[in-house]
C-alpha cells in the first residue's frame, strides 16, 4: 500500500484510445468523478485544517456514531459541487445511510456509487469501492479522483487495471486521523483544472514511491 497521506497521479490517455468500448474523446467531454469516503477522509479524530472542528451524531440504523470534521473542508466540497467541476459519488460504508452524513454536514445530495451494505458493510464495501472506480475508468472513460484511507489498491492486478487505460487518475490516501487536508485539495484543484494534461507532474512534496506527503 502507498505510504499514508499519499497522492498518486497517472498519465493522460492518448488521443484515440478506446476504453472498454468507450471513446476516450467522449470521456474528455465529461466532468471528472470523485469517489468520496467518509470515515478517515471527512470524519476524523483530528481534522487537519485551521479552525475548530465541528461535531455531531450520525445514525446507522439504530446505532449512533460521534462524527468530527472540518467545516472548511466541507465548505470546499460544497463549493466544488456548486461549480459543477466534478461529480461527487459516495463510496463509503455509510452508503445506505449517507443521508445522515449529508444532513449533519449540510452537504447537498450526492449520488451513491453503490448501496445494499446493511448486513455487512465493512466486508462488502472494499470490493464495491474498487468496482466503482473501475466502472468510471473502464466503462465511462472519465477522469477519476478517489479519496479513501484504506481501500485503494496500489499494487497487483486491480491497480494495473486502474492505470492500464491511461485515463487521468488521482488517488489520495489521507492519514485516517487527519483526513483530507489543504494540500490534498490544492492537488485536486490542479487536477481538475485540466485532467487530460495532468501527466506525471509533481503533486505535493513527492516521495520516491510516487506518493505525496500529507502536509
C-alpha atoms as a PDB file:
ATOM      1  CA  UNK A   1       0.000   0.000   0.000  1.00  0.00           C
ATOM      2  CA  UNK A   2       1.163   3.537  -0.693  1.00  0.00           C
ATOM      3  CA  UNK A   3       2.574   5.499   2.206  1.00  0.00           C
ATOM      4  CA  UNK A   4      -0.049   7.165   4.405  1.00  0.00           C
ATOM      5  CA  UNK A   5      -1.161  10.519   3.091  1.00  0.00           C
ATOM      6  CA  UNK A   6      -0.205   9.726  -0.495  1.00  0.00           C
ATOM      7  CA  UNK A   7      -1.354  11.332  -3.701  1.00  0.00           C
ATOM      8  CA  UNK A   8      -0.628   9.412  -6.866  1.00  0.00           C
ATOM      9  CA  UNK A   9      -1.141  10.741 -10.414  1.00  0.00           C
ATOM     10  CA  UNK A  10      -1.451   8.708 -13.595  1.00  0.00           C
ATOM     11  CA  UNK A  11      -0.566   9.864 -17.123  1.00  0.00           C
ATOM     12  CA  UNK A  12      -3.021  11.183 -19.663  1.00  0.00           C
ATOM     13  CA  UNK A  13      -4.592   8.981 -22.307  1.00  0.00           C
ATOM     14  CA  UNK A  14      -3.522   9.002 -25.950  1.00  0.00           C
ATOM     15  CA  UNK A  15      -5.832  10.883 -28.305  1.00  0.00           C
ATOM     16  CA  UNK A  16      -7.570   7.933 -29.937  1.00  0.00           C
ATOM     17  CA  UNK A  17      -7.532   5.206 -27.294  1.00  0.00           C
ATOM     18  CA  UNK A  18     -10.779   3.291 -26.769  1.00  0.00           C
ATOM     19  CA  UNK A  19     -11.656   2.192 -23.258  1.00  0.00           C
ATOM     20  CA  UNK A  20     -13.829  -0.900 -22.920  1.00  0.00           C
ATOM     21  CA  UNK A  21     -15.874   0.290 -25.867  1.00  0.00           C
ATOM     22  CA  UNK A  22     -15.894   3.929 -24.758  1.00  0.00           C
ATOM     23  CA  UNK A  23     -14.219   6.528 -26.968  1.00  0.00           C
ATOM     24  CA  UNK A  24     -11.639   8.444 -24.910  1.00  0.00           C
ATOM     25  CA  UNK A  25     -12.782  11.673 -26.542  1.00  0.00           C
ATOM     26  CA  UNK A  26     -16.229  11.126 -25.012  1.00  0.00           C
ATOM     27  CA  UNK A  27     -14.584  10.910 -21.588  1.00  0.00           C
ATOM     28  CA  UNK A  28     -12.779  14.166 -22.282  1.00  0.00           C
ATOM     29  CA  UNK A  29     -16.083  15.970 -22.686  1.00  0.00           C
ATOM     30  CA  UNK A  30     -17.448  14.936 -19.279  1.00  0.00           C
ATOM     31  CA  UNK A  31     -16.521  16.193 -15.826  1.00  0.00           C
ATOM     32  CA  UNK A  32     -14.348  14.002 -13.601  1.00  0.00           C
ATOM     33  CA  UNK A  33     -15.872  11.719 -10.986  1.00  0.00           C
ATOM     34  CA  UNK A  34     -14.784  11.934  -7.332  1.00  0.00           C
ATOM     35  CA  UNK A  35     -15.340   8.782  -5.254  1.00  0.00           C
ATOM     36  CA  UNK A  36     -15.557  10.063  -1.695  1.00  0.00           C
ATOM     37  CA  UNK A  37     -15.206   8.078   1.512  1.00  0.00           C
ATOM     38  CA  UNK A  38     -16.415   9.308   4.905  1.00  0.00           C
ATOM     39  CA  UNK A  39     -14.532   7.684   7.810  1.00  0.00           C
ATOM     40  CA  UNK A  40     -10.838   8.544   7.761  1.00  0.00           C
ATOM     41  CA  UNK A  41     -11.388  11.097   4.985  1.00  0.00           C
ATOM     42  CA  UNK A  42     -14.024  13.535   6.276  1.00  0.00           C
ATOM     43  CA  UNK A  43     -14.875  12.064   9.689  1.00  0.00           C
ATOM     44  CA  UNK A  44     -11.571  12.047  11.588  1.00  0.00           C
ATOM     45  CA  UNK A  45     -10.259  12.466  15.117  1.00  0.00           C
ATOM     46  CA  UNK A  46      -8.053  15.494  14.406  1.00  0.00           C
ATOM     47  CA  UNK A  47      -9.067  17.375  11.234  1.00  0.00           C
ATOM     48  CA  UNK A  48      -6.046  18.912   9.516  1.00  0.00           C
ATOM     49  CA  UNK A  49      -7.469  22.381   8.852  1.00  0.00           C
ATOM     50  CA  UNK A  50      -7.175  25.713  10.636  1.00  0.00           C
ATOM     51  CA  UNK A  51     -10.052  26.439  12.975  1.00  0.00           C
ATOM     52  CA  UNK A  52     -12.090  24.374  15.409  1.00  0.00           C
ATOM     53  CA  UNK A  53     -13.713  21.175  14.152  1.00  0.00           C
ATOM     54  CA  UNK A  54     -17.438  20.521  14.106  1.00  0.00           C
ATOM     55  CA  UNK A  55     -19.032  17.566  15.858  1.00  0.00           C
ATOM     56  CA  UNK A  56     -22.349  15.771  15.785  1.00  0.00           C
ATOM     57  CA  UNK A  57     -24.126  12.436  15.818  1.00  0.00           C
ATOM     58  CA  UNK A  58     -24.978  10.349  12.787  1.00  0.00           C
ATOM     59  CA  UNK A  59     -27.138   7.230  12.884  1.00  0.00           C
ATOM     60  CA  UNK A  60     -26.513   3.939  11.127  1.00  0.00           C
ATOM     61  CA  UNK A  61     -29.849   2.276  11.679  1.00  0.00           C
ATOM     62  CA  UNK A  62     -30.298   2.233  15.457  1.00  0.00           C
ATOM     63  CA  UNK A  63     -26.604   2.816  16.181  1.00  0.00           C
ATOM     64  CA  UNK A  64     -25.348   6.334  16.895  1.00  0.00           C
ATOM     65  CA  UNK A  65     -21.849   7.463  15.947  1.00  0.00           C
ATOM     66  CA  UNK A  66     -19.955  10.556  17.013  1.00  0.00           C
ATOM     67  CA  UNK A  67     -18.683  12.417  13.923  1.00  0.00           C
ATOM     68  CA  UNK A  68     -15.933  15.037  13.806  1.00  0.00           C
ATOM     69  CA  UNK A  69     -14.994  17.072  10.725  1.00  0.00           C
ATOM     70  CA  UNK A  70     -13.516  20.310   9.460  1.00  0.00           C
ATOM     71  CA  UNK A  71     -16.157  22.833   8.364  1.00  0.00           C
ATOM     72  CA  UNK A  72     -13.590  24.354   6.000  1.00  0.00           C
ATOM     73  CA  UNK A  73     -13.121  21.042   4.207  1.00  0.00           C
ATOM     74  CA  UNK A  74     -16.874  20.586   3.909  1.00  0.00           C
ATOM     75  CA  UNK A  75     -17.160  24.127   2.544  1.00  0.00           C
ATOM     76  CA  UNK A  76     -14.615  23.277  -0.155  1.00  0.00           C
ATOM     77  CA  UNK A  77     -16.544  20.148  -1.145  1.00  0.00           C
ATOM     78  CA  UNK A  78     -19.759  22.144  -1.286  1.00  0.00           C
ATOM     79  CA  UNK A  79     -18.098  24.797  -3.468  1.00  0.00           C
ATOM     80  CA  UNK A  80     -16.715  22.258  -5.948  1.00  0.00           C
ATOM     81  CA  UNK A  81     -20.149  20.672  -6.246  1.00  0.00           C
ATOM     82  CA  UNK A  82     -21.848  24.005  -6.861  1.00  0.00           C
ATOM     83  CA  UNK A  83     -19.285  24.928  -9.524  1.00  0.00           C
ATOM     84  CA  UNK A  84     -20.002  21.704 -11.409  1.00  0.00           C
ATOM     85  CA  UNK A  85     -16.328  20.913 -11.955  1.00  0.00           C
ATOM     86  CA  UNK A  86     -16.615  17.397 -10.529  1.00  0.00           C
ATOM     87  CA  UNK A  87     -19.319  14.808  -9.897  1.00  0.00           C
ATOM     88  CA  UNK A  88     -19.215  13.501  -6.341  1.00  0.00           C
ATOM     89  CA  UNK A  89     -20.215   9.916  -5.645  1.00  0.00           C
ATOM     90  CA  UNK A  90     -20.259   8.480  -2.154  1.00  0.00           C
ATOM     91  CA  UNK A  91     -18.089   5.353  -1.887  1.00  0.00           C
ATOM     92  CA  UNK A  92     -18.317   4.504   1.798  1.00  0.00           C
ATOM     93  CA  UNK A  93     -19.617   2.033   4.351  1.00  0.00           C
ATOM     94  CA  UNK A  94     -22.191   4.765   5.063  1.00  0.00           C
ATOM     95  CA  UNK A  95     -23.698   4.321   1.591  1.00  0.00           C
ATOM     96  CA  UNK A  96     -27.067   3.047   2.855  1.00  0.00           C
ATOM     97  CA  UNK A  97     -27.317   5.834   5.435  1.00  0.00           C
ATOM     98  CA  UNK A  98     -25.379   8.613   3.753  1.00  0.00           C
ATOM     99  CA  UNK A  99     -28.372  10.929   4.043  1.00  0.00           C
ATOM    100  CA  UNK A 100     -27.341  11.125   7.718  1.00  0.00           C
ATOM    101  CA  UNK A 101     -23.929  12.464   6.691  1.00  0.00           C
ATOM    102  CA  UNK A 102     -25.378  14.935   4.191  1.00  0.00           C
ATOM    103  CA  UNK A 103     -27.830  16.318   6.728  1.00  0.00           C
ATOM    104  CA  UNK A 104     -25.280  16.565   9.539  1.00  0.00           C
ATOM    105  CA  UNK A 105     -22.621  18.247   7.382  1.00  0.00           C
ATOM    106  CA  UNK A 106     -25.183  20.286   5.429  1.00  0.00           C
ATOM    107  CA  UNK A 107     -23.964  18.886   2.150  1.00  0.00           C
ATOM    108  CA  UNK A 108     -26.113  18.642  -0.976  1.00  0.00           C
ATOM    109  CA  UNK A 109     -27.275  15.224  -2.104  1.00  0.00           C
ATOM    110  CA  UNK A 110     -24.509  13.320  -3.876  1.00  0.00           C
ATOM    111  CA  UNK A 111     -25.169  10.117  -5.779  1.00  0.00           C
ATOM    112  CA  UNK A 112     -24.045   6.804  -4.276  1.00  0.00           C
ATOM    113  CA  UNK A 113     -21.546   4.621  -6.092  1.00  0.00           C
ATOM    114  CA  UNK A 114     -23.223   1.543  -4.563  1.00  0.00           C
ATOM    115  CA  UNK A 115     -25.694   0.508  -1.881  1.00  0.00           C
ATOM    116  CA  UNK A 116     -27.017  -2.623  -0.159  1.00  0.00           C
ATOM    117  CA  UNK A 117     -24.368  -2.898   2.583  1.00  0.00           C
ATOM    118  CA  UNK A 118     -26.582  -3.154   5.662  1.00  0.00           C
ATOM    119  CA  UNK A 119     -25.859  -6.769   6.554  1.00  0.00           C
ATOM    120  CA  UNK A 120     -22.059  -6.484   6.473  1.00  0.00           C
ATOM    121  CA  UNK A 121     -20.811  -3.052   5.322  1.00  0.00           C
ATOM    122  CA  UNK A 122     -17.180  -3.494   6.364  1.00  0.00           C
ATOM    123  CA  UNK A 123     -16.853  -6.737   4.408  1.00  0.00           C
ATOM    124  CA  UNK A 124     -18.697  -5.633   1.277  1.00  0.00           C
ATOM    125  CA  UNK A 125     -17.566  -2.047   0.864  1.00  0.00           C
ATOM    126  CA  UNK A 126     -13.882  -2.524  -0.118  1.00  0.00           C
ATOM    127  CA  UNK A 127     -14.703  -4.659  -3.141  1.00  0.00           C
ATOM    128  CA  UNK A 128     -17.576  -2.425  -4.200  1.00  0.00           C
ATOM    129  CA  UNK A 129     -15.340   0.634  -3.976  1.00  0.00           C
ATOM    130  CA  UNK A 130     -12.869  -0.939  -6.391  1.00  0.00           C
ATOM    131  CA  UNK A 131     -15.693  -1.945  -8.727  1.00  0.00           C
ATOM    132  CA  UNK A 132     -16.992   1.632  -8.682  1.00  0.00           C
ATOM    133  CA  UNK A 133     -13.557   3.006  -9.559  1.00  0.00           C
ATOM    134  CA  UNK A 134     -13.077   0.515 -12.379  1.00  0.00           C
ATOM    135  CA  UNK A 135     -16.509   1.382 -13.776  1.00  0.00           C
ATOM    136  CA  UNK A 136     -15.568   5.062 -14.034  1.00  0.00           C
ATOM    137  CA  UNK A 137     -12.285   4.225 -15.764  1.00  0.00           C
ATOM    138  CA  UNK A 138     -13.304   1.317 -17.999  1.00  0.00           C
ATOM    139  CA  UNK A 139     -16.961   1.939 -18.772  1.00  0.00           C
ATOM    140  CA  UNK A 140     -17.290   5.724 -18.591  1.00  0.00           C
ATOM    141  CA  UNK A 141     -13.758   6.678 -19.601  1.00  0.00           C
ATOM    142  CA  UNK A 142     -13.862   9.681 -17.274  1.00  0.00           C
ATOM    143  CA  UNK A 143     -11.075  11.152 -15.139  1.00  0.00           C
ATOM    144  CA  UNK A 144     -11.245   9.816 -11.604  1.00  0.00           C
ATOM    145  CA  UNK A 145     -10.390  11.200  -8.186  1.00  0.00           C
ATOM    146  CA  UNK A 146     -10.590   8.593  -5.457  1.00  0.00           C
ATOM    147  CA  UNK A 147     -10.097   9.544  -1.802  1.00  0.00           C
ATOM    148  CA  UNK A 148     -10.040   6.689   0.686  1.00  0.00           C
ATOM    149  CA  UNK A 149      -7.864   5.930   3.684  1.00  0.00           C
ATOM    150  CA  UNK A 150      -7.573   2.161   3.223  1.00  0.00           C
ATOM    151  CA  UNK A 151      -9.340   0.706   0.165  1.00  0.00           C
ATOM    152  CA  UNK A 152      -7.268   1.954  -2.779  1.00  0.00           C
ATOM    153  CA  UNK A 153      -5.087  -0.752  -4.404  1.00  0.00           C
ATOM    154  CA  UNK A 154      -1.591   0.474  -5.283  1.00  0.00           C
ATOM    155  CA  UNK A 155      -0.175  -2.869  -6.388  1.00  0.00           C
ATOM    156  CA  UNK A 156      -1.388  -6.049  -8.024  1.00  0.00           C
ATOM    157  CA  UNK A 157      -3.869  -6.711 -10.831  1.00  0.00           C
ATOM    158  CA  UNK A 158      -6.529  -4.253  -9.656  1.00  0.00           C
ATOM    159  CA  UNK A 159      -4.013  -1.417  -9.527  1.00  0.00           C
ATOM    160  CA  UNK A 160      -2.817  -2.343 -13.020  1.00  0.00           C
ATOM    161  CA  UNK A 161      -6.402  -2.274 -14.292  1.00  0.00           C
ATOM    162  CA  UNK A 162      -6.956   1.182 -12.843  1.00  0.00           C
ATOM    163  CA  UNK A 163      -3.839   2.503 -14.544  1.00  0.00           C
ATOM    164  CA  UNK A 164      -3.979   0.364 -17.652  1.00  0.00           C
ATOM    165  CA  UNK A 165      -6.270   2.581 -19.755  1.00  0.00           C
ATOM    166  CA  UNK A 166      -4.384   5.845 -19.427  1.00  0.00           C
ATOM    167  CA  UNK A 167      -7.419   7.713 -18.090  1.00  0.00           C
ATOM    168  CA  UNK A 168      -6.387  10.563 -15.751  1.00  0.00           C
ATOM    169  CA  UNK A 169      -6.415   9.236 -12.224  1.00  0.00           C
ATOM    170  CA  UNK A 170      -5.746  10.902  -8.875  1.00  0.00           C
ATOM    171  CA  UNK A 171      -5.584   8.571  -5.871  1.00  0.00           C
ATOM    172  CA  UNK A 172      -5.468  10.156  -2.424  1.00  0.00           C
ATOM    173  CA  UNK A 173      -4.915   8.180   0.789  1.00  0.00           C
ATOM    174  CA  UNK A 174      -5.019  10.613   3.713  1.00  0.00           C
ATOM    175  CA  UNK A 175      -3.842   9.896   7.210  1.00  0.00           C
ATOM    176  CA  UNK A 176      -7.071   8.490   8.747  1.00  0.00           C
ATOM    177  CA  UNK A 177      -6.539  10.586  11.882  1.00  0.00           C
ATOM    178  CA  UNK A 178      -6.336  13.855   9.917  1.00  0.00           C
ATOM    179  CA  UNK A 179      -8.379  13.208   6.775  1.00  0.00           C
ATOM    180  CA  UNK A 180      -8.229  15.368   3.679  1.00  0.00           C
ATOM    181  CA  UNK A 181      -6.044  18.415   4.259  1.00  0.00           C
ATOM    182  CA  UNK A 182      -5.460  21.693   2.394  1.00  0.00           C
ATOM    183  CA  UNK A 183      -2.550  20.271   0.369  1.00  0.00           C
ATOM    184  CA  UNK A 184      -4.795  17.477  -0.902  1.00  0.00           C
ATOM    185  CA  UNK A 185      -7.424  19.988  -2.024  1.00  0.00           C
ATOM    186  CA  UNK A 186      -4.767  22.066  -3.790  1.00  0.00           C
ATOM    187  CA  UNK A 187      -3.679  18.962  -5.700  1.00  0.00           C
ATOM    188  CA  UNK A 188      -7.290  18.189  -6.555  1.00  0.00           C
ATOM    189  CA  UNK A 189      -7.702  21.744  -7.888  1.00  0.00           C
ATOM    190  CA  UNK A 190      -4.644  21.317 -10.120  1.00  0.00           C
ATOM    191  CA  UNK A 191      -6.015  18.025 -11.416  1.00  0.00           C
ATOM    192  CA  UNK A 192      -9.466  19.462 -12.112  1.00  0.00           C
ATOM    193  CA  UNK A 193      -8.018  22.449 -13.976  1.00  0.00           C
ATOM    194  CA  UNK A 194      -7.030  20.159 -16.875  1.00  0.00           C
ATOM    195  CA  UNK A 195      -7.063  16.440 -16.008  1.00  0.00           C
ATOM    196  CA  UNK A 196      -6.205  15.294 -19.537  1.00  0.00           C
ATOM    197  CA  UNK A 197      -2.868  17.098 -19.433  1.00  0.00           C
ATOM    198  CA  UNK A 198      -2.140  16.039 -15.855  1.00  0.00           C
ATOM    199  CA  UNK A 199       0.619  13.581 -16.769  1.00  0.00           C
ATOM    200  CA  UNK A 200       3.416  12.686 -14.368  1.00  0.00           C
ATOM    201  CA  UNK A 201       3.794  16.059 -12.706  1.00  0.00           C
ATOM    202  CA  UNK A 202       4.929  16.579  -9.132  1.00  0.00           C
ATOM    203  CA  UNK A 203       1.830  16.830  -6.922  1.00  0.00           C
ATOM    204  CA  UNK A 204       2.859  17.785  -3.359  1.00  0.00           C
ATOM    205  CA  UNK A 205       6.334  17.075  -1.920  1.00  0.00           C
ATOM    206  CA  UNK A 206       6.547  13.895  -3.965  1.00  0.00           C
ATOM    207  CA  UNK A 207       8.229  10.872  -2.435  1.00  0.00           C
ATOM    208  CA  UNK A 208      10.341   8.334  -4.382  1.00  0.00           C
ATOM    209  CA  UNK A 209       7.374   5.903  -4.456  1.00  0.00           C
ATOM    210  CA  UNK A 210       5.280   8.403  -6.463  1.00  0.00           C
ATOM    211  CA  UNK A 211       3.228   9.458  -3.492  1.00  0.00           C
ATOM    212  CA  UNK A 212       2.914  12.732  -1.674  1.00  0.00           C
ATOM    213  CA  UNK A 213       3.221  13.702   1.949  1.00  0.00           C
ATOM    214  CA  UNK A 214       0.149  14.556   3.969  1.00  0.00           C
ATOM    215  CA  UNK A 215       1.021  18.196   4.597  1.00  0.00           C
END
